[in-house]
N, C-alpha and C. Protein backbone atom coordinates (compact mmCIF):
# COMPACT_ATOMS: atom_id res chain seq x y z
N MET A 1 20.26 23.51 -24.50
CA MET A 1 21.24 22.93 -23.57
C MET A 1 22.61 23.51 -23.86
N TYR A 2 23.35 23.85 -22.83
CA TYR A 2 24.74 24.23 -23.03
C TYR A 2 25.59 23.58 -21.96
N LEU A 3 26.87 23.46 -22.22
CA LEU A 3 27.79 22.77 -21.32
C LEU A 3 28.82 23.74 -20.81
N ALA A 4 29.18 23.57 -19.56
CA ALA A 4 30.20 24.42 -18.97
C ALA A 4 31.26 23.56 -18.32
N ALA A 5 32.51 23.88 -18.57
CA ALA A 5 33.61 23.19 -17.91
C ALA A 5 34.10 24.06 -16.78
N ALA A 6 34.16 23.50 -15.58
CA ALA A 6 34.70 24.24 -14.45
C ALA A 6 36.21 24.25 -14.58
N LEU A 7 36.80 25.42 -14.70
CA LEU A 7 38.22 25.54 -15.00
C LEU A 7 38.96 26.24 -13.90
N VAL A 8 40.18 25.76 -13.64
CA VAL A 8 41.11 26.50 -12.81
C VAL A 8 41.96 27.31 -13.77
N ILE A 9 41.78 28.61 -13.77
CA ILE A 9 42.43 29.46 -14.75
C ILE A 9 43.72 30.03 -14.18
N GLY A 10 44.76 30.00 -14.98
CA GLY A 10 46.03 30.54 -14.55
C GLY A 10 46.05 32.04 -14.71
N CYS A 11 45.06 32.70 -14.17
CA CYS A 11 45.00 34.15 -14.22
C CYS A 11 44.26 34.63 -13.00
N ASP A 12 44.36 35.92 -12.73
CA ASP A 12 43.73 36.49 -11.55
C ASP A 12 42.26 36.70 -11.82
N ARG A 13 41.41 36.07 -11.01
CA ARG A 13 39.98 36.22 -11.17
C ARG A 13 39.48 37.28 -10.22
N PRO A 14 38.43 38.00 -10.58
CA PRO A 14 37.88 39.01 -9.68
C PRO A 14 37.44 38.37 -8.37
N ALA A 15 37.70 39.07 -7.28
CA ALA A 15 37.33 38.54 -5.97
C ALA A 15 35.83 38.45 -5.85
N GLU A 16 35.35 37.36 -5.27
CA GLU A 16 33.93 37.16 -5.06
C GLU A 16 33.62 37.16 -3.58
N THR A 17 32.53 37.77 -3.21
CA THR A 17 32.12 37.80 -1.82
C THR A 17 31.52 36.46 -1.45
N PRO A 18 32.08 35.75 -0.46
CA PRO A 18 31.54 34.45 -0.09
C PRO A 18 30.13 34.57 0.45
N VAL A 19 29.30 33.64 0.08
CA VAL A 19 27.91 33.64 0.53
C VAL A 19 27.64 32.36 1.30
N ASP A 20 27.18 32.49 2.53
CA ASP A 20 26.84 31.34 3.34
C ASP A 20 25.36 31.03 3.13
N GLN A 21 25.08 30.03 2.32
CA GLN A 21 23.69 29.70 2.00
C GLN A 21 23.05 28.80 3.04
N GLY A 22 23.87 28.25 3.94
CA GLY A 22 23.31 27.39 4.97
C GLY A 22 22.98 26.01 4.46
N THR A 23 22.66 25.13 5.37
CA THR A 23 22.38 23.74 5.00
C THR A 23 21.08 23.59 4.24
N ALA A 24 20.15 24.55 4.39
CA ALA A 24 18.88 24.44 3.68
C ALA A 24 19.09 24.42 2.18
N SER A 25 20.04 25.24 1.69
CA SER A 25 20.29 25.28 0.25
C SER A 25 20.90 23.99 -0.26
N LEU A 26 21.61 23.25 0.62
CA LEU A 26 22.21 21.99 0.21
C LEU A 26 21.14 20.95 -0.06
N VAL A 27 20.01 21.08 0.60
CA VAL A 27 18.90 20.16 0.35
C VAL A 27 18.23 20.50 -0.96
N GLU A 28 18.07 21.82 -1.23
CA GLU A 28 17.40 22.25 -2.45
C GLU A 28 18.27 22.04 -3.68
N ASP A 29 19.57 22.25 -3.54
CA ASP A 29 20.48 22.11 -4.67
C ASP A 29 20.99 20.67 -4.76
N ASP A 30 21.87 20.44 -5.72
CA ASP A 30 22.48 19.13 -5.88
C ASP A 30 23.60 18.99 -4.85
N VAL A 31 23.36 18.19 -3.81
CA VAL A 31 24.32 18.06 -2.72
C VAL A 31 25.65 17.52 -3.24
N SER A 32 25.60 16.61 -4.20
CA SER A 32 26.83 15.99 -4.68
C SER A 32 27.77 17.03 -5.28
N GLU A 33 27.21 18.05 -5.95
CA GLU A 33 28.07 19.07 -6.55
C GLU A 33 28.76 19.89 -5.47
N HIS A 34 28.08 20.14 -4.35
CA HIS A 34 28.70 20.86 -3.25
C HIS A 34 29.83 20.03 -2.64
N LEU A 35 29.58 18.74 -2.48
CA LEU A 35 30.61 17.88 -1.91
C LEU A 35 31.81 17.76 -2.82
N ARG A 36 31.58 17.74 -4.12
CA ARG A 36 32.67 17.60 -5.07
C ARG A 36 33.52 18.87 -5.14
N ALA A 37 33.01 19.96 -4.59
CA ALA A 37 33.77 21.21 -4.58
C ALA A 37 34.74 21.28 -3.41
N LEU A 38 34.71 20.28 -2.53
CA LEU A 38 35.63 20.27 -1.40
C LEU A 38 37.05 20.02 -1.87
N GLY A 39 38.01 20.42 -1.05
CA GLY A 39 39.41 20.26 -1.40
C GLY A 39 39.85 18.81 -1.37
N TYR A 40 41.10 18.58 -1.78
CA TYR A 40 41.64 17.23 -1.83
C TYR A 40 41.91 16.67 -0.43
N VAL A 41 41.79 15.37 -0.30
CA VAL A 41 42.26 14.66 0.89
C VAL A 41 43.17 13.54 0.40
N ALA A 42 44.06 13.10 1.27
CA ALA A 42 45.00 12.05 0.88
C ALA A 42 45.35 11.22 2.11
N TRP A 43 45.89 10.03 1.86
CA TRP A 43 46.28 9.16 2.95
C TRP A 43 47.71 9.46 3.39
N ASP A 44 48.04 8.99 4.58
CA ASP A 44 49.37 9.17 5.13
C ASP A 44 49.95 7.78 5.37
N GLU A 45 50.98 7.40 4.61
CA GLU A 45 51.54 6.05 4.72
C GLU A 45 52.20 5.81 6.08
N ASP A 46 52.56 6.89 6.79
CA ASP A 46 53.22 6.74 8.09
C ASP A 46 52.24 6.80 9.25
N ALA A 47 50.96 6.88 8.96
CA ALA A 47 49.97 7.00 10.03
C ALA A 47 49.85 5.70 10.83
N ASP A 48 49.45 5.82 12.08
CA ASP A 48 49.25 4.67 12.95
C ASP A 48 47.96 3.95 12.52
N GLN A 49 48.09 2.73 11.99
CA GLN A 49 46.93 1.99 11.50
C GLN A 49 45.93 1.68 12.60
N ASN A 50 46.38 1.66 13.84
CA ASN A 50 45.47 1.40 14.95
C ASN A 50 44.49 2.54 15.19
N LEU A 51 44.78 3.69 14.61
CA LEU A 51 43.92 4.85 14.82
C LEU A 51 42.98 5.07 13.64
N SER A 52 42.96 4.13 12.69
CA SER A 52 42.11 4.31 11.51
C SER A 52 40.67 3.97 11.84
N GLY A 53 39.78 4.41 10.96
CA GLY A 53 38.36 4.15 11.15
C GLY A 53 37.63 5.35 11.69
N ALA A 54 36.32 5.27 11.71
CA ALA A 54 35.51 6.38 12.19
C ALA A 54 35.58 6.47 13.72
N ILE A 55 35.77 7.67 14.21
CA ILE A 55 35.79 7.88 15.66
C ILE A 55 34.49 8.51 16.14
N VAL A 56 33.71 9.04 15.21
CA VAL A 56 32.39 9.59 15.54
C VAL A 56 31.41 9.12 14.48
N HIS A 57 30.26 8.63 14.89
CA HIS A 57 29.25 8.19 13.94
C HIS A 57 27.89 8.66 14.43
N ASP A 58 27.44 9.79 13.90
CA ASP A 58 26.13 10.35 14.22
C ASP A 58 25.20 9.96 13.07
N ALA A 59 24.45 8.89 13.26
CA ALA A 59 23.60 8.36 12.19
C ALA A 59 22.59 9.38 11.69
N SER A 60 22.12 10.27 12.59
CA SER A 60 21.12 11.26 12.19
C SER A 60 21.70 12.31 11.24
N ALA A 61 23.02 12.43 11.21
CA ALA A 61 23.67 13.44 10.38
C ALA A 61 24.21 12.85 9.08
N VAL A 62 24.03 11.55 8.88
CA VAL A 62 24.55 10.87 7.69
C VAL A 62 23.45 10.77 6.64
N ALA A 63 23.75 11.17 5.43
CA ALA A 63 22.78 11.06 4.34
C ALA A 63 22.53 9.58 4.04
N PRO A 64 21.27 9.19 3.88
CA PRO A 64 20.98 7.78 3.59
C PRO A 64 21.46 7.38 2.20
N GLY A 65 21.71 6.09 2.04
CA GLY A 65 22.10 5.59 0.73
C GLY A 65 23.54 5.15 0.69
N ALA A 66 23.92 4.56 -0.43
CA ALA A 66 25.27 4.02 -0.60
C ALA A 66 26.20 5.07 -1.20
N ASN A 67 27.49 4.84 -1.04
CA ASN A 67 28.52 5.73 -1.57
C ASN A 67 29.40 4.96 -2.55
N LEU A 68 29.60 5.54 -3.71
CA LEU A 68 30.44 4.93 -4.75
C LEU A 68 31.72 5.74 -4.86
N TYR A 69 32.85 5.09 -4.69
CA TYR A 69 34.12 5.81 -4.76
C TYR A 69 35.23 4.85 -5.18
N THR A 70 36.44 5.38 -5.38
CA THR A 70 37.58 4.55 -5.76
C THR A 70 38.66 4.66 -4.70
N ASN A 71 39.61 3.73 -4.75
CA ASN A 71 40.77 3.81 -3.85
C ASN A 71 41.89 4.63 -4.47
N ASP A 72 41.59 5.32 -5.58
CA ASP A 72 42.53 6.16 -6.31
C ASP A 72 43.62 5.34 -6.98
N GLU A 73 43.41 4.03 -7.08
CA GLU A 73 44.39 3.18 -7.76
C GLU A 73 43.69 2.27 -8.77
N ASP A 74 43.17 1.12 -8.31
CA ASP A 74 42.65 0.14 -9.26
C ASP A 74 41.36 -0.53 -8.81
N THR A 75 40.65 0.07 -7.85
CA THR A 75 39.45 -0.56 -7.30
C THR A 75 38.34 0.46 -7.10
N VAL A 76 37.12 0.06 -7.46
CA VAL A 76 35.92 0.85 -7.19
C VAL A 76 35.15 0.15 -6.08
N LEU A 77 34.66 0.93 -5.13
CA LEU A 77 33.96 0.34 -3.99
C LEU A 77 32.58 0.97 -3.81
N LEU A 78 31.63 0.15 -3.40
CA LEU A 78 30.29 0.61 -3.06
C LEU A 78 30.11 0.35 -1.56
N MET A 79 29.90 1.41 -0.79
CA MET A 79 29.84 1.30 0.67
C MET A 79 28.51 1.84 1.17
N ASP A 80 27.92 1.16 2.16
CA ASP A 80 26.67 1.66 2.72
C ASP A 80 26.96 2.72 3.78
N GLU A 81 25.89 3.30 4.34
CA GLU A 81 26.06 4.40 5.29
C GLU A 81 26.63 3.95 6.63
N GLN A 82 26.72 2.64 6.84
CA GLN A 82 27.33 2.11 8.05
C GLN A 82 28.82 1.85 7.89
N GLY A 83 29.32 2.02 6.65
CA GLY A 83 30.73 1.80 6.40
C GLY A 83 31.08 0.41 5.92
N SER A 84 30.07 -0.40 5.62
CA SER A 84 30.31 -1.76 5.12
C SER A 84 30.40 -1.75 3.60
N VAL A 85 31.39 -2.46 3.07
CA VAL A 85 31.56 -2.56 1.62
C VAL A 85 30.54 -3.55 1.06
N LEU A 86 29.67 -3.05 0.19
CA LEU A 86 28.63 -3.89 -0.41
C LEU A 86 29.14 -4.65 -1.62
N ARG A 87 30.03 -3.99 -2.37
CA ARG A 87 30.57 -4.62 -3.57
C ARG A 87 31.81 -3.85 -4.00
N SER A 88 32.69 -4.53 -4.70
CA SER A 88 33.89 -3.87 -5.23
C SER A 88 34.17 -4.39 -6.63
N TRP A 89 34.83 -3.56 -7.42
CA TRP A 89 35.22 -3.90 -8.77
C TRP A 89 36.70 -3.60 -8.92
N GLU A 90 37.46 -4.54 -9.44
CA GLU A 90 38.89 -4.32 -9.62
C GLU A 90 39.21 -4.10 -11.11
N LEU A 91 40.19 -3.24 -11.34
CA LEU A 91 40.66 -2.96 -12.70
C LEU A 91 42.15 -3.29 -12.75
N PRO A 92 42.50 -4.54 -12.99
CA PRO A 92 43.91 -4.97 -12.98
C PRO A 92 44.76 -4.17 -13.95
N GLY A 93 45.94 -3.79 -13.50
CA GLY A 93 46.87 -3.08 -14.35
C GLY A 93 46.71 -1.58 -14.36
N ARG A 94 45.62 -1.08 -13.79
CA ARG A 94 45.43 0.36 -13.73
C ARG A 94 46.18 0.94 -12.54
N MET A 95 46.57 2.22 -12.65
CA MET A 95 47.40 2.83 -11.62
C MET A 95 46.72 3.98 -10.88
N HIS A 96 45.78 4.67 -11.54
CA HIS A 96 45.24 5.89 -10.93
C HIS A 96 43.79 6.10 -11.32
N CYS A 97 42.92 5.20 -10.91
CA CYS A 97 41.49 5.34 -11.17
C CYS A 97 40.90 6.23 -10.08
N GLU A 98 40.63 7.49 -10.42
CA GLU A 98 40.31 8.48 -9.42
C GLU A 98 38.82 8.80 -9.29
N HIS A 99 37.99 8.29 -10.21
CA HIS A 99 36.59 8.69 -10.17
C HIS A 99 35.73 7.61 -10.83
N ALA A 100 34.52 7.39 -10.27
CA ALA A 100 33.59 6.41 -10.85
C ALA A 100 32.17 6.97 -10.77
N GLU A 101 31.38 6.69 -11.79
CA GLU A 101 29.98 7.12 -11.79
C GLU A 101 29.10 5.98 -12.30
N LEU A 102 27.93 5.86 -11.69
CA LEU A 102 26.93 4.89 -12.14
C LEU A 102 26.14 5.50 -13.28
N LEU A 103 26.09 4.81 -14.42
CA LEU A 103 25.38 5.30 -15.59
C LEU A 103 23.94 4.82 -15.57
N SER A 104 23.10 5.45 -16.38
CA SER A 104 21.68 5.11 -16.40
C SER A 104 21.44 3.68 -16.86
N SER A 105 22.39 3.11 -17.61
CA SER A 105 22.27 1.74 -18.10
C SER A 105 22.59 0.70 -17.04
N GLY A 106 23.10 1.14 -15.88
CA GLY A 106 23.53 0.21 -14.85
C GLY A 106 25.01 -0.12 -14.92
N ARG A 107 25.67 0.39 -15.95
CA ARG A 107 27.11 0.19 -16.08
C ARG A 107 27.86 1.24 -15.26
N LEU A 108 29.14 1.02 -15.06
CA LEU A 108 29.99 1.95 -14.32
C LEU A 108 30.97 2.62 -15.28
N ALA A 109 31.10 3.93 -15.17
CA ALA A 109 32.14 4.66 -15.89
C ALA A 109 33.25 4.94 -14.89
N VAL A 110 34.44 4.42 -15.16
CA VAL A 110 35.58 4.58 -14.25
C VAL A 110 36.66 5.39 -14.98
N LEU A 111 37.03 6.50 -14.38
CA LEU A 111 38.02 7.38 -14.98
C LEU A 111 39.38 7.13 -14.35
N CYS A 112 40.28 6.58 -15.13
CA CYS A 112 41.65 6.30 -14.68
C CYS A 112 42.55 7.37 -15.27
N GLU A 113 43.01 8.28 -14.43
CA GLU A 113 43.70 9.48 -14.89
C GLU A 113 44.90 9.16 -15.76
N ARG A 114 44.95 9.86 -16.90
CA ARG A 114 46.03 9.75 -17.88
C ARG A 114 46.16 8.36 -18.47
N GLU A 115 45.15 7.51 -18.25
CA GLU A 115 45.19 6.16 -18.80
C GLU A 115 44.02 5.90 -19.75
N ALA A 116 42.80 5.90 -19.20
CA ALA A 116 41.65 5.55 -20.02
C ALA A 116 40.36 5.81 -19.25
N LEU A 117 39.28 5.90 -20.00
CA LEU A 117 37.93 5.83 -19.43
C LEU A 117 37.44 4.41 -19.66
N VAL A 118 37.15 3.70 -18.58
CA VAL A 118 36.76 2.29 -18.66
C VAL A 118 35.29 2.16 -18.27
N ILE A 119 34.52 1.46 -19.12
CA ILE A 119 33.12 1.20 -18.83
C ILE A 119 32.98 -0.26 -18.39
N LEU A 120 32.49 -0.46 -17.18
CA LEU A 120 32.31 -1.81 -16.65
C LEU A 120 30.85 -2.22 -16.76
N GLU A 121 30.64 -3.45 -17.23
CA GLU A 121 29.30 -4.01 -17.29
C GLU A 121 28.84 -4.39 -15.87
N PRO A 122 27.53 -4.62 -15.68
CA PRO A 122 27.04 -4.99 -14.35
C PRO A 122 27.75 -6.20 -13.74
N ASP A 123 28.24 -7.12 -14.58
CA ASP A 123 28.93 -8.30 -14.05
C ASP A 123 30.42 -8.03 -13.77
N GLY A 124 30.87 -6.80 -14.01
CA GLY A 124 32.26 -6.44 -13.74
C GLY A 124 33.18 -6.55 -14.94
N SER A 125 32.71 -7.09 -16.04
CA SER A 125 33.56 -7.20 -17.22
C SER A 125 33.71 -5.84 -17.90
N VAL A 126 34.76 -5.69 -18.69
CA VAL A 126 35.02 -4.43 -19.37
C VAL A 126 34.20 -4.38 -20.65
N GLY A 127 33.29 -3.41 -20.72
CA GLY A 127 32.47 -3.25 -21.90
C GLY A 127 33.07 -2.30 -22.91
N LEU A 128 33.86 -1.36 -22.43
CA LEU A 128 34.46 -0.36 -23.30
C LEU A 128 35.71 0.19 -22.62
N ASP A 129 36.76 0.39 -23.39
CA ASP A 129 38.01 0.93 -22.88
C ASP A 129 38.49 1.99 -23.86
N VAL A 130 38.41 3.26 -23.43
CA VAL A 130 38.79 4.36 -24.31
C VAL A 130 40.07 4.99 -23.77
N PRO A 131 41.23 4.67 -24.36
CA PRO A 131 42.49 5.24 -23.87
C PRO A 131 42.56 6.73 -24.13
N GLY A 132 43.26 7.43 -23.23
CA GLY A 132 43.42 8.87 -23.42
C GLY A 132 43.92 9.54 -22.16
N ASN A 133 44.29 10.79 -22.30
CA ASN A 133 44.83 11.58 -21.19
C ASN A 133 43.68 12.21 -20.41
N VAL A 134 42.80 11.36 -19.90
CA VAL A 134 41.57 11.80 -19.23
C VAL A 134 41.87 12.16 -17.77
N HIS A 135 40.96 12.94 -17.18
CA HIS A 135 41.14 13.29 -15.77
C HIS A 135 39.87 13.87 -15.17
N HIS A 136 39.71 13.68 -13.90
CA HIS A 136 38.76 14.35 -13.00
C HIS A 136 37.27 14.03 -13.16
N ASP A 137 36.69 14.10 -14.35
CA ASP A 137 35.23 14.02 -14.38
C ASP A 137 34.72 13.40 -15.68
N VAL A 138 33.54 12.79 -15.57
CA VAL A 138 32.83 12.26 -16.74
C VAL A 138 31.34 12.56 -16.52
N ALA A 139 30.64 12.89 -17.60
CA ALA A 139 29.22 13.21 -17.52
C ALA A 139 28.47 12.46 -18.61
N GLU A 140 27.28 11.99 -18.29
CA GLU A 140 26.47 11.23 -19.25
C GLU A 140 25.40 12.11 -19.86
N LEU A 141 25.20 11.97 -21.18
CA LEU A 141 24.14 12.68 -21.89
C LEU A 141 22.93 11.77 -22.04
N GLU A 142 21.81 12.35 -22.47
CA GLU A 142 20.56 11.60 -22.55
C GLU A 142 20.63 10.44 -23.53
N ASP A 143 21.44 10.57 -24.59
CA ASP A 143 21.53 9.50 -25.59
C ASP A 143 22.54 8.43 -25.22
N GLY A 144 23.12 8.52 -24.02
CA GLY A 144 24.10 7.54 -23.59
C GLY A 144 25.54 7.90 -23.91
N SER A 145 25.73 9.00 -24.65
CA SER A 145 27.10 9.47 -24.90
C SER A 145 27.70 10.01 -23.61
N LEU A 146 29.02 10.09 -23.59
CA LEU A 146 29.72 10.56 -22.40
C LEU A 146 30.62 11.73 -22.75
N LEU A 147 30.77 12.64 -21.80
CA LEU A 147 31.71 13.74 -21.91
C LEU A 147 32.79 13.53 -20.86
N VAL A 148 34.04 13.72 -21.26
CA VAL A 148 35.15 13.53 -20.32
C VAL A 148 36.20 14.60 -20.58
N LEU A 149 36.82 15.06 -19.50
CA LEU A 149 37.90 16.04 -19.62
C LEU A 149 39.19 15.34 -20.05
N VAL A 150 39.92 15.96 -20.97
CA VAL A 150 41.20 15.43 -21.42
C VAL A 150 42.23 16.55 -21.47
N ARG A 151 43.49 16.21 -21.19
CA ARG A 151 44.58 17.16 -21.32
C ARG A 151 45.18 17.01 -22.72
N ASP A 152 45.29 18.13 -23.41
CA ASP A 152 45.87 18.11 -24.75
C ASP A 152 47.39 17.98 -24.68
N GLU A 153 48.00 17.67 -25.80
CA GLU A 153 49.45 17.75 -25.90
C GLU A 153 49.87 19.21 -25.78
N ALA A 154 51.04 19.44 -25.22
CA ALA A 154 51.52 20.81 -25.03
C ALA A 154 51.63 21.54 -26.37
N ARG A 155 51.19 22.80 -26.38
CA ARG A 155 51.30 23.66 -27.55
C ARG A 155 52.24 24.83 -27.22
N ILE A 156 52.91 25.35 -28.22
CA ILE A 156 53.73 26.53 -28.01
C ILE A 156 52.81 27.75 -28.07
N TYR A 157 52.74 28.47 -26.96
CA TYR A 157 51.91 29.66 -26.87
C TYR A 157 52.72 30.76 -26.20
N ARG A 158 52.93 31.86 -26.93
CA ARG A 158 53.76 32.98 -26.45
C ARG A 158 55.13 32.50 -25.99
N GLY A 159 55.70 31.57 -26.75
CA GLY A 159 57.05 31.12 -26.47
C GLY A 159 57.16 30.08 -25.38
N ARG A 160 56.03 29.58 -24.90
CA ARG A 160 56.05 28.59 -23.82
C ARG A 160 55.24 27.37 -24.25
N ALA A 161 55.61 26.22 -23.68
CA ALA A 161 54.81 25.01 -23.91
C ALA A 161 53.67 25.02 -22.90
N VAL A 162 52.45 25.03 -23.40
CA VAL A 162 51.28 25.17 -22.54
C VAL A 162 50.36 23.97 -22.74
N VAL A 163 49.87 23.41 -21.64
CA VAL A 163 48.92 22.30 -21.69
C VAL A 163 47.51 22.86 -21.55
N PHE A 164 46.71 22.71 -22.59
CA PHE A 164 45.32 23.14 -22.56
C PHE A 164 44.42 21.92 -22.36
N ASP A 165 43.19 22.16 -21.93
CA ASP A 165 42.22 21.09 -21.73
C ASP A 165 41.14 21.13 -22.80
N SER A 166 40.56 19.97 -23.05
CA SER A 166 39.42 19.85 -23.97
C SER A 166 38.36 18.96 -23.34
N ILE A 167 37.17 19.00 -23.92
CA ILE A 167 36.09 18.08 -23.53
C ILE A 167 35.89 17.10 -24.68
N LEU A 168 36.05 15.82 -24.38
CA LEU A 168 35.93 14.77 -25.38
C LEU A 168 34.53 14.17 -25.33
N LEU A 169 33.93 13.99 -26.51
CA LEU A 169 32.63 13.33 -26.62
C LEU A 169 32.85 11.89 -27.04
N ILE A 170 32.29 10.96 -26.25
CA ILE A 170 32.42 9.53 -26.53
C ILE A 170 31.04 8.97 -26.81
N SER A 171 30.83 8.42 -28.00
CA SER A 171 29.54 7.85 -28.36
C SER A 171 29.35 6.51 -27.65
N PRO A 172 28.12 5.99 -27.59
CA PRO A 172 27.88 4.70 -26.93
C PRO A 172 28.73 3.55 -27.48
N ASP A 173 29.13 3.64 -28.76
CA ASP A 173 29.94 2.56 -29.34
C ASP A 173 31.44 2.84 -29.26
N GLY A 174 31.82 3.93 -28.57
CA GLY A 174 33.23 4.19 -28.35
C GLY A 174 33.90 5.16 -29.29
N GLU A 175 33.16 5.72 -30.26
CA GLU A 175 33.73 6.71 -31.16
C GLU A 175 33.98 8.01 -30.41
N THR A 176 35.09 8.68 -30.69
CA THR A 176 35.45 9.89 -29.96
C THR A 176 35.59 11.09 -30.89
N SER A 177 35.28 12.26 -30.35
CA SER A 177 35.47 13.52 -31.08
C SER A 177 35.59 14.63 -30.05
N THR A 178 36.30 15.70 -30.40
CA THR A 178 36.48 16.82 -29.50
C THR A 178 35.26 17.72 -29.57
N LEU A 179 34.60 17.91 -28.43
CA LEU A 179 33.40 18.75 -28.38
C LEU A 179 33.75 20.21 -28.13
N TRP A 180 34.76 20.44 -27.28
CA TRP A 180 35.12 21.81 -26.88
C TRP A 180 36.59 21.85 -26.53
N SER A 181 37.28 22.90 -26.94
CA SER A 181 38.71 23.05 -26.68
C SER A 181 38.98 24.40 -26.04
N SER A 182 39.68 24.41 -24.91
CA SER A 182 40.01 25.68 -24.28
C SER A 182 40.95 26.50 -25.15
N TYR A 183 41.81 25.83 -25.92
CA TYR A 183 42.71 26.54 -26.83
C TYR A 183 41.92 27.25 -27.93
N ASP A 184 40.94 26.55 -28.49
CA ASP A 184 40.13 27.14 -29.55
C ASP A 184 39.25 28.27 -29.03
N GLN A 185 38.96 28.26 -27.74
CA GLN A 185 38.07 29.26 -27.15
C GLN A 185 38.81 30.33 -26.37
N LEU A 186 40.11 30.52 -26.67
CA LEU A 186 40.91 31.50 -25.92
C LEU A 186 40.31 32.90 -25.96
N GLU A 187 39.86 33.34 -27.12
CA GLU A 187 39.32 34.70 -27.21
C GLU A 187 38.08 34.86 -26.33
N THR A 188 37.22 33.84 -26.33
CA THR A 188 36.03 33.89 -25.48
C THR A 188 36.42 33.91 -24.01
N LEU A 189 37.39 33.10 -23.64
CA LEU A 189 37.82 33.04 -22.24
C LEU A 189 38.48 34.33 -21.79
N ARG A 190 39.19 34.99 -22.70
CA ARG A 190 39.80 36.27 -22.35
C ARG A 190 38.75 37.31 -22.01
N GLY A 191 37.59 37.19 -22.64
CA GLY A 191 36.52 38.14 -22.36
C GLY A 191 35.81 37.88 -21.05
N ILE A 192 36.09 36.72 -20.44
CA ILE A 192 35.44 36.34 -19.19
C ILE A 192 36.35 36.54 -17.99
N HIS A 193 37.63 36.21 -18.16
CA HIS A 193 38.57 36.20 -17.05
C HIS A 193 39.62 37.31 -17.21
N ALA A 194 40.09 37.81 -16.08
CA ALA A 194 41.15 38.81 -16.09
C ALA A 194 42.44 38.21 -16.62
N ARG A 195 43.31 39.05 -17.14
CA ARG A 195 44.59 38.57 -17.67
C ARG A 195 45.46 38.06 -16.54
N GLY A 196 46.15 36.96 -16.80
CA GLY A 196 47.01 36.36 -15.79
C GLY A 196 48.44 36.26 -16.25
N GLU A 197 49.22 35.44 -15.55
CA GLU A 197 50.65 35.36 -15.81
C GLU A 197 50.98 34.93 -17.23
N LEU A 198 50.20 34.02 -17.76
CA LEU A 198 50.52 33.51 -19.10
C LEU A 198 50.47 34.63 -20.14
N GLU A 199 49.59 35.62 -19.91
CA GLU A 199 49.43 36.71 -20.86
C GLU A 199 50.35 37.89 -20.55
N THR A 200 50.72 38.07 -19.30
CA THR A 200 51.43 39.29 -18.91
C THR A 200 52.94 39.12 -18.76
N LEU A 201 53.44 37.90 -18.51
CA LEU A 201 54.88 37.72 -18.37
C LEU A 201 55.59 37.97 -19.69
N PRO A 202 56.79 38.55 -19.65
CA PRO A 202 57.53 38.77 -20.90
C PRO A 202 57.91 37.45 -21.56
N SER A 203 58.14 37.48 -22.86
CA SER A 203 58.55 36.26 -23.57
C SER A 203 59.85 35.72 -22.98
N PRO A 204 60.01 34.42 -22.93
CA PRO A 204 61.21 33.84 -22.33
C PRO A 204 62.43 34.07 -23.21
N ARG A 205 63.59 33.93 -22.60
CA ARG A 205 64.82 34.05 -23.36
C ARG A 205 64.94 32.89 -24.35
N ILE A 206 65.80 33.07 -25.34
CA ILE A 206 66.01 32.01 -26.33
C ILE A 206 66.48 30.73 -25.63
N LEU A 207 65.95 29.59 -26.04
CA LEU A 207 66.25 28.27 -25.52
C LEU A 207 65.61 28.00 -24.15
N ALA A 208 65.02 29.02 -23.54
CA ALA A 208 64.34 28.77 -22.27
C ALA A 208 63.02 28.05 -22.57
N HIS A 209 62.70 27.09 -21.75
CA HIS A 209 61.51 26.28 -22.00
C HIS A 209 60.71 26.12 -20.71
N TYR A 210 59.46 26.43 -20.77
CA TYR A 210 58.60 26.32 -19.60
C TYR A 210 57.38 25.46 -19.95
N LEU A 211 56.91 24.73 -18.97
CA LEU A 211 55.67 23.98 -19.16
C LEU A 211 54.62 24.61 -18.26
N TRP A 212 53.65 25.20 -18.86
CA TRP A 212 52.58 25.89 -18.11
C TRP A 212 51.28 25.13 -18.31
N ARG A 213 50.59 24.87 -17.24
CA ARG A 213 49.23 24.37 -17.36
C ARG A 213 48.30 25.53 -17.05
N TRP A 214 47.71 26.09 -18.08
CA TRP A 214 46.97 27.32 -17.92
C TRP A 214 45.49 27.06 -17.67
N LEU A 215 44.89 26.28 -18.52
CA LEU A 215 43.46 26.01 -18.39
C LEU A 215 43.28 24.56 -18.00
N ARG A 216 42.95 24.34 -16.74
CA ARG A 216 42.81 22.98 -16.26
C ARG A 216 41.39 22.74 -15.78
N GLY A 217 40.67 21.88 -16.47
CA GLY A 217 39.31 21.59 -16.09
C GLY A 217 39.24 20.74 -14.84
N LYS A 218 38.17 20.94 -14.08
CA LYS A 218 37.94 20.15 -12.87
C LYS A 218 36.62 19.40 -12.93
N GLY A 219 35.68 19.90 -13.67
CA GLY A 219 34.38 19.23 -13.70
C GLY A 219 33.59 19.63 -14.93
N ILE A 220 32.59 18.83 -15.26
CA ILE A 220 31.71 19.10 -16.39
C ILE A 220 30.30 19.20 -15.84
N ASN A 221 29.63 20.30 -16.14
CA ASN A 221 28.25 20.48 -15.70
C ASN A 221 27.36 20.68 -16.91
N ARG A 222 26.18 20.10 -16.84
CA ARG A 222 25.22 20.27 -17.92
C ARG A 222 24.13 21.22 -17.49
N HIS A 223 23.75 22.16 -18.37
CA HIS A 223 22.73 23.16 -18.06
C HIS A 223 21.68 23.13 -19.15
N ASP A 224 20.43 23.00 -18.75
CA ASP A 224 19.33 23.01 -19.73
C ASP A 224 18.77 24.42 -19.88
């Protein structure tokens, strides 16, 4: 088994020829991973509320089953394919809960960006609260441990303050350890990706200070 972190690299990557695999491949592959590769969407506070809601509903084109998502603030919602909320979970005091996943134990892993990874029991109570600079994704291992992306504290690299990402391993009882660090793997990453701005720009002038986010993870994938 090996693990791969999907990274947005602050360097120029070789151009790839787009391949249209068609909808048939979406059935054969993991559809959720394709959907998670879509770009960001956001709400508009100035939008006309009278125009909200679905304007087209083609039941034959909707995948069966429920959808688990967050309001990007403090609530997790479970919605059926008709758009009805089946259940919701609130996380009081949280500000940016951007992702939730159902674990094999029946508990919920809720990722609140830059705050904590919160594990909710089936009754909605908090079973585990792991504070940290977490973001974007969490993955469950066979033994019940979890992997989560975290942003490290800024390091001085080539005269600049750079934020690198790591993958944190969380045991079932809440113990944490760093499984993989993009900073520690710089040499390996250089052999994979073309050189970018962080490597090619001249050193900054004295007292100049920049904050660069060079290696930013977006997702964790497990490969057997």
